[in-house]
N, C-alpha and C. Protein backbone atom coordinates (compact mmCIF):
# COMPACT_ATOMS: atom_id res chain seq x y z
N MET A 1 0.86 -1.18 0.00
CA MET A 1 0.00 0.00 0.00
C MET A 1 0.90 1.23 0.00
N ASN A 2 0.68 2.12 -0.95
CA ASN A 2 1.45 3.36 -0.99
C ASN A 2 0.67 4.47 -0.28
N LYS A 3 1.24 5.67 -0.26
CA LYS A 3 0.64 6.77 0.49
C LYS A 3 -0.76 7.13 -0.03
N THR A 4 -0.93 7.17 -1.34
CA THR A 4 -2.24 7.52 -1.91
C THR A 4 -3.29 6.49 -1.54
N GLU A 5 -2.93 5.21 -1.64
CA GLU A 5 -3.86 4.15 -1.26
C GLU A 5 -4.19 4.22 0.24
N PHE A 6 -3.19 4.55 1.05
CA PHE A 6 -3.40 4.68 2.49
C PHE A 6 -4.36 5.83 2.79
N ILE A 7 -4.17 6.96 2.11
CA ILE A 7 -5.07 8.12 2.29
C ILE A 7 -6.49 7.74 1.90
N ASN A 8 -6.65 7.04 0.79
CA ASN A 8 -7.98 6.61 0.35
C ASN A 8 -8.63 5.67 1.37
N ALA A 9 -7.85 4.75 1.92
CA ALA A 9 -8.38 3.80 2.91
C ALA A 9 -8.80 4.52 4.19
N VAL A 10 -7.98 5.44 4.65
CA VAL A 10 -8.31 6.21 5.86
C VAL A 10 -9.55 7.05 5.62
N SER A 11 -9.64 7.64 4.46
CA SER A 11 -10.81 8.44 4.10
C SER A 11 -12.08 7.59 4.11
N ALA A 12 -12.01 6.41 3.54
CA ALA A 12 -13.17 5.53 3.46
C ALA A 12 -13.60 5.03 4.85
N LYS A 13 -12.63 4.68 5.69
CA LYS A 13 -12.97 4.12 7.01
C LYS A 13 -13.40 5.18 8.01
N SER A 14 -12.88 6.40 7.86
CA SER A 14 -13.17 7.44 8.85
C SER A 14 -14.33 8.35 8.46
N GLY A 15 -14.68 8.36 7.18
CA GLY A 15 -15.72 9.27 6.72
C GLY A 15 -15.20 10.67 6.45
N LEU A 16 -13.89 10.85 6.55
CA LEU A 16 -13.28 12.15 6.23
C LEU A 16 -13.13 12.27 4.72
N SER A 17 -13.05 13.51 4.26
CA SER A 17 -12.76 13.70 2.84
C SER A 17 -11.30 13.30 2.61
N LYS A 18 -10.94 13.08 1.37
CA LYS A 18 -9.56 12.70 1.07
C LYS A 18 -8.59 13.80 1.45
N VAL A 19 -9.00 15.04 1.29
CA VAL A 19 -8.15 16.18 1.66
C VAL A 19 -7.92 16.19 3.16
N ASP A 20 -8.99 15.98 3.94
CA ASP A 20 -8.86 15.97 5.40
C ASP A 20 -8.05 14.76 5.87
N ALA A 21 -8.24 13.61 5.23
CA ALA A 21 -7.48 12.41 5.59
C ALA A 21 -6.00 12.64 5.31
N LYS A 22 -5.69 13.28 4.20
CA LYS A 22 -4.29 13.57 3.85
C LYS A 22 -3.69 14.50 4.88
N LYS A 23 -4.43 15.54 5.29
CA LYS A 23 -3.94 16.47 6.31
C LYS A 23 -3.69 15.75 7.63
N ALA A 24 -4.59 14.86 8.02
CA ALA A 24 -4.46 14.12 9.27
C ALA A 24 -3.23 13.20 9.24
N ILE A 25 -3.03 12.51 8.13
CA ILE A 25 -1.89 11.61 8.01
C ILE A 25 -0.58 12.39 8.01
N GLU A 26 -0.55 13.50 7.29
CA GLU A 26 0.66 14.33 7.26
C GLU A 26 0.94 14.93 8.63
N ALA A 27 -0.09 15.30 9.37
CA ALA A 27 0.09 15.82 10.72
C ALA A 27 0.64 14.74 11.64
N PHE A 28 0.13 13.50 11.50
CA PHE A 28 0.63 12.38 12.30
C PHE A 28 2.11 12.14 12.02
N VAL A 29 2.47 12.07 10.74
CA VAL A 29 3.86 11.81 10.36
C VAL A 29 4.77 12.93 10.87
N GLU A 30 4.34 14.17 10.73
CA GLU A 30 5.14 15.30 11.17
C GLU A 30 5.30 15.29 12.69
N THR A 31 4.24 14.97 13.42
CA THR A 31 4.30 14.94 14.88
C THR A 31 5.24 13.84 15.36
N VAL A 32 5.13 12.66 14.79
CA VAL A 32 6.02 11.55 15.17
C VAL A 32 7.46 11.90 14.81
N SER A 33 7.69 12.46 13.63
CA SER A 33 9.03 12.84 13.20
C SER A 33 9.65 13.86 14.13
N ASP A 34 8.88 14.88 14.51
CA ASP A 34 9.39 15.91 15.42
C ASP A 34 9.76 15.33 16.78
N GLU A 35 8.92 14.44 17.29
CA GLU A 35 9.19 13.83 18.60
C GLU A 35 10.46 12.96 18.55
N LEU A 36 10.60 12.18 17.49
CA LEU A 36 11.78 11.32 17.36
C LEU A 36 13.04 12.14 17.13
N LYS A 37 12.91 13.23 16.38
CA LYS A 37 14.06 14.10 16.13
C LYS A 37 14.58 14.68 17.43
N GLY A 38 13.68 14.95 18.37
CA GLY A 38 14.06 15.47 19.68
C GLY A 38 14.53 14.39 20.64
N GLY A 39 14.59 13.15 20.19
CA GLY A 39 15.07 12.07 21.04
C GLY A 39 13.98 11.41 21.86
N GLY A 40 12.73 11.76 21.61
CA GLY A 40 11.62 11.20 22.37
C GLY A 40 11.13 9.87 21.84
N LYS A 41 10.01 9.44 22.39
CA LYS A 41 9.40 8.16 22.02
C LYS A 41 7.91 8.38 21.84
N VAL A 42 7.30 7.70 20.88
CA VAL A 42 5.86 7.78 20.67
C VAL A 42 5.28 6.39 20.86
N ALA A 43 4.37 6.25 21.82
CA ALA A 43 3.75 4.96 22.10
C ALA A 43 2.25 5.07 21.87
N LEU A 44 1.73 4.21 21.01
CA LEU A 44 0.30 4.16 20.71
C LEU A 44 -0.22 2.83 21.25
N LEU A 45 -0.94 2.88 22.34
CA LEU A 45 -1.41 1.69 23.03
C LEU A 45 -2.14 0.75 22.08
N GLY A 46 -1.71 -0.50 22.04
CA GLY A 46 -2.33 -1.50 21.19
C GLY A 46 -1.75 -1.55 19.79
N PHE A 47 -1.12 -0.49 19.34
CA PHE A 47 -0.55 -0.46 17.99
C PHE A 47 0.95 -0.71 18.03
N GLY A 48 1.68 0.12 18.77
CA GLY A 48 3.13 -0.05 18.88
C GLY A 48 3.80 1.23 19.31
N SER A 49 5.12 1.19 19.32
CA SER A 49 5.88 2.37 19.74
C SER A 49 7.04 2.62 18.79
N PHE A 50 7.31 3.90 18.58
CA PHE A 50 8.42 4.37 17.76
C PHE A 50 9.46 4.93 18.72
N SER A 51 10.73 4.60 18.50
CA SER A 51 11.80 5.15 19.33
C SER A 51 13.06 5.29 18.48
N VAL A 52 14.05 5.96 19.05
CA VAL A 52 15.33 6.16 18.37
C VAL A 52 16.38 5.32 19.08
N THR A 53 17.17 4.58 18.32
CA THR A 53 18.27 3.81 18.89
C THR A 53 19.58 4.32 18.32
N GLU A 54 20.64 4.16 19.08
CA GLU A 54 21.97 4.56 18.64
C GLU A 54 22.71 3.34 18.15
N LYS A 55 23.21 3.39 16.95
CA LYS A 55 24.04 2.31 16.41
C LYS A 55 25.49 2.77 16.53
N LEU A 56 26.31 1.96 17.16
CA LEU A 56 27.71 2.30 17.38
C LEU A 56 28.51 2.20 16.09
N ALA A 57 29.64 2.91 16.06
CA ALA A 57 30.55 2.81 14.92
C ALA A 57 31.12 1.40 14.90
N ARG A 58 31.34 0.88 13.71
CA ARG A 58 31.87 -0.48 13.61
C ARG A 58 32.67 -0.63 12.32
N LYS A 59 33.38 -1.73 12.24
CA LYS A 59 34.15 -2.03 11.03
C LYS A 59 33.32 -2.94 10.15
N GLY A 60 33.43 -2.76 8.85
CA GLY A 60 32.71 -3.58 7.89
C GLY A 60 33.62 -3.90 6.72
N VAL A 61 33.07 -4.58 5.73
CA VAL A 61 33.82 -4.95 4.53
C VAL A 61 33.01 -4.54 3.31
N ASN A 62 33.64 -3.84 2.39
CA ASN A 62 33.01 -3.50 1.12
C ASN A 62 32.89 -4.79 0.32
N PRO A 63 31.66 -5.25 0.03
CA PRO A 63 31.51 -6.53 -0.65
C PRO A 63 32.07 -6.54 -2.08
N LYS A 64 32.17 -5.38 -2.68
CA LYS A 64 32.65 -5.30 -4.06
C LYS A 64 34.18 -5.44 -4.12
N THR A 65 34.87 -4.71 -3.20
CA THR A 65 36.34 -4.69 -3.25
C THR A 65 36.99 -5.52 -2.16
N LYS A 66 36.20 -6.00 -1.22
CA LYS A 66 36.68 -6.78 -0.06
C LYS A 66 37.60 -5.97 0.85
N GLN A 67 37.60 -4.65 0.69
CA GLN A 67 38.41 -3.78 1.53
C GLN A 67 37.67 -3.47 2.83
N PRO A 68 38.41 -3.42 3.96
CA PRO A 68 37.76 -3.04 5.22
C PRO A 68 37.36 -1.56 5.19
N ILE A 69 36.20 -1.26 5.77
CA ILE A 69 35.74 0.13 5.85
C ILE A 69 35.25 0.41 7.26
N ASN A 70 35.25 1.67 7.63
CA ASN A 70 34.71 2.09 8.91
C ASN A 70 33.30 2.59 8.69
N ILE A 71 32.36 2.04 9.43
CA ILE A 71 30.97 2.46 9.35
C ILE A 71 30.72 3.39 10.54
N PRO A 72 30.36 4.65 10.28
CA PRO A 72 30.21 5.60 11.38
C PRO A 72 28.99 5.32 12.25
N ALA A 73 29.01 5.85 13.47
CA ALA A 73 27.87 5.74 14.38
C ALA A 73 26.72 6.53 13.79
N ARG A 74 25.49 6.08 14.09
CA ARG A 74 24.32 6.80 13.59
C ARG A 74 23.12 6.49 14.47
N LYS A 75 22.09 7.26 14.27
CA LYS A 75 20.83 7.01 14.96
C LYS A 75 19.88 6.33 13.99
N SER A 76 19.01 5.48 14.53
CA SER A 76 18.09 4.73 13.70
C SER A 76 16.72 4.72 14.36
N VAL A 77 15.67 4.70 13.55
CA VAL A 77 14.30 4.64 14.08
C VAL A 77 13.91 3.19 14.26
N LYS A 78 13.30 2.89 15.39
CA LYS A 78 12.88 1.52 15.71
C LYS A 78 11.38 1.53 15.95
N PHE A 79 10.68 0.52 15.41
CA PHE A 79 9.26 0.35 15.68
C PHE A 79 9.06 -1.00 16.32
N LYS A 80 8.37 -1.01 17.45
CA LYS A 80 8.05 -2.26 18.13
C LYS A 80 6.54 -2.39 18.15
N ALA A 81 6.04 -3.44 17.54
CA ALA A 81 4.59 -3.66 17.46
C ALA A 81 4.02 -3.93 18.85
N GLY A 82 2.84 -3.38 19.09
CA GLY A 82 2.13 -3.63 20.34
C GLY A 82 1.51 -5.01 20.32
N SER A 83 1.07 -5.46 21.48
CA SER A 83 0.54 -6.83 21.59
C SER A 83 -0.69 -7.06 20.72
N GLU A 84 -1.58 -6.09 20.64
CA GLU A 84 -2.79 -6.26 19.82
C GLU A 84 -2.45 -6.39 18.34
N LEU A 85 -1.55 -5.55 17.85
CA LEU A 85 -1.13 -5.60 16.45
C LEU A 85 -0.39 -6.89 16.16
N ALA A 86 0.50 -7.28 17.05
CA ALA A 86 1.25 -8.51 16.85
C ALA A 86 0.32 -9.72 16.81
N GLU A 87 -0.68 -9.73 17.66
CA GLU A 87 -1.64 -10.83 17.71
C GLU A 87 -2.50 -10.85 16.44
N LEU A 88 -2.86 -9.69 15.95
CA LEU A 88 -3.68 -9.57 14.74
C LEU A 88 -2.94 -10.12 13.51
N VAL A 89 -1.65 -9.86 13.45
CA VAL A 89 -0.84 -10.26 12.30
C VAL A 89 -0.53 -11.75 12.34
N LYS A 90 -0.49 -12.31 13.54
CA LYS A 90 -0.12 -13.73 13.71
C LYS A 90 -0.88 -14.65 12.85
């Protein structure tokens, strides 16, 4: 499902117009992004939680040249499914 299909599905299930559904989805994405950018966590009961994890610097190998490379430290977004969502998908 791409963004347009997601907007259409939200519009159909919520009774919102497609324009309002798009605004709501964009507001959700922006709110979650801002919270994660600030180092926070977003937890939606029954759905899951978004958080930021730190990946340490490490050594790796370039598969093309087989030369060792240094992979810098970085931050990564993590999503952990809530129990209800995990059970639904099972």
